[in-house]
Amino acid sequence: MKKSTEIILQELAKRFPDKKEFRKSEVEDTALDLGYTGKDYGVLVSAEYRIRRGVFNLQALVEEYAPTAIVNPVAQIPAQGIAMAPQSVVNTEKTYAEVDPTFVPWGAFSDIKRVITSEMFYPVYVSGLSGNGKTFMVEQACAKLGKEFIRVQINPETDEDDLLGGFRLVNGETVFSKGPVLKAMENGAILLLDEIDRATNKIMCLQGILEGKPVLVKKTGEVVSPTKGFNVIATANTKGKGSEDGRFTAASIIDDAFLERFTIAIDQPFASAGVEKKILLNHFAKFTEMDDDDGTRIEFTDKLIAWADIIRKTFYDDGVDEVISTRRLCHIAQTYSIFQDRMKAINLCISRFDDDTKAAFLDLYTKIDADVNAFNQPEVEEVADQEEDIDVY
């Protein structure tokens, strides 16, 4: 059964509770509302399920694929004077990352894969400078293994309601909707806490979960136990001690008791020149379909990597305050595919730096690539050329 067809069945169950026989128009309208086509709902209105003209019996399918609400046992025994526990529901749709052809395995990738395939609860903390592929590595490890992957972007406002869930109004009723953490626990999925060093003490609700133990949902009294395969991986720009150099001003100091619950910590540097070359060439291939018979992109790639390597060495020696990340190099490759101009691509992609740093980086590149000139590259098109076609009234 296609995933899209399962989603349509789930929606039918929500819209038509206890209904087992459906008209074709009901199935079709539900699918179209979800953005699906006949390829997705066609099997549901096939001769296999037709009981009479225009009517189809989907009882078996609805019962198999429809989401089931998990109800606290106390709520199943209503008695006079005893308050019923609130209903607890969870989004049953599973999420998987797609394999990205530009990804190149390197660094701790094989270690992350081994952790995932072990299906042990083994929390991992991955730190490193921005743009060196931490999150991408975890995502692609899950994609290649076909492992369910739930990513939660952490920020200073993230709290227990965002992570574990809270009360929501569903179909006119107040229910407790489980959050991504509980969903990952029940599904045995990989939970990625991205940019965890942006959090505050509001995420201390994860303390017990990081021990791999069942968690009591205080608002419902329900106990949720982790399914085999569930694991937590966190990424951050710092090691949880704040950013002394001021590069990551939003990074907070994470409680030691929280950090201590991560079994291992991985400090990820930038990729080697050889790996970075493969990454960059993959991005050039992704963004342009032109052949590279004359080796132009390979030459440009080599020069970009040499340029970034010098800047990084200077950065680590405290010679400059900015660094060129792997992500920034990929942005330059994408920009070059649009403008076909090396210096313009670099210029546009480093314009976020201050003027002195930008000028120094551009000047350094001209020393590596003698075929370009940093000071003869227009940053914007001449306005006068654009005004020729404008009628003034």
Foldseek 3Di string as FASTA:
>chain_A
DDLLLLVLLQVLCQVDPPDFKDFPVSSQVSSVVVVHDCVRCVVQPDPVQDPDPRMGGRNVSSVVRHFDWDADPQQVDDDPPDDHFFTEGEDPRFAAAAADPLDDDDDCLVVLLVVLVVLDAAEEEEAAAPFQQPVVSNRNSCNVVVFGEAEDEDAAPDACCQAQHQWDQDPNDTHTYGHPNLSLQAVLGEYEHEAVQLYDCRPVLCLVVLQQAWDQPVRGRDTGHGDRSYYYYYYHHDLQCDDPVCPCVSGHRDDPSRSVSRNYYHYDYHDDLVRLLSSQVSLLVVQDVDDCVVVPSSVLSNLVSVLQVVQVVCVVVVNDVDGQHSNLSSQLSNQCSVVVDNLLSLLVSPVVDDPVVSVVSSVSSCVSPVVDDNPPDDNDDDVVVVCPPDDDD
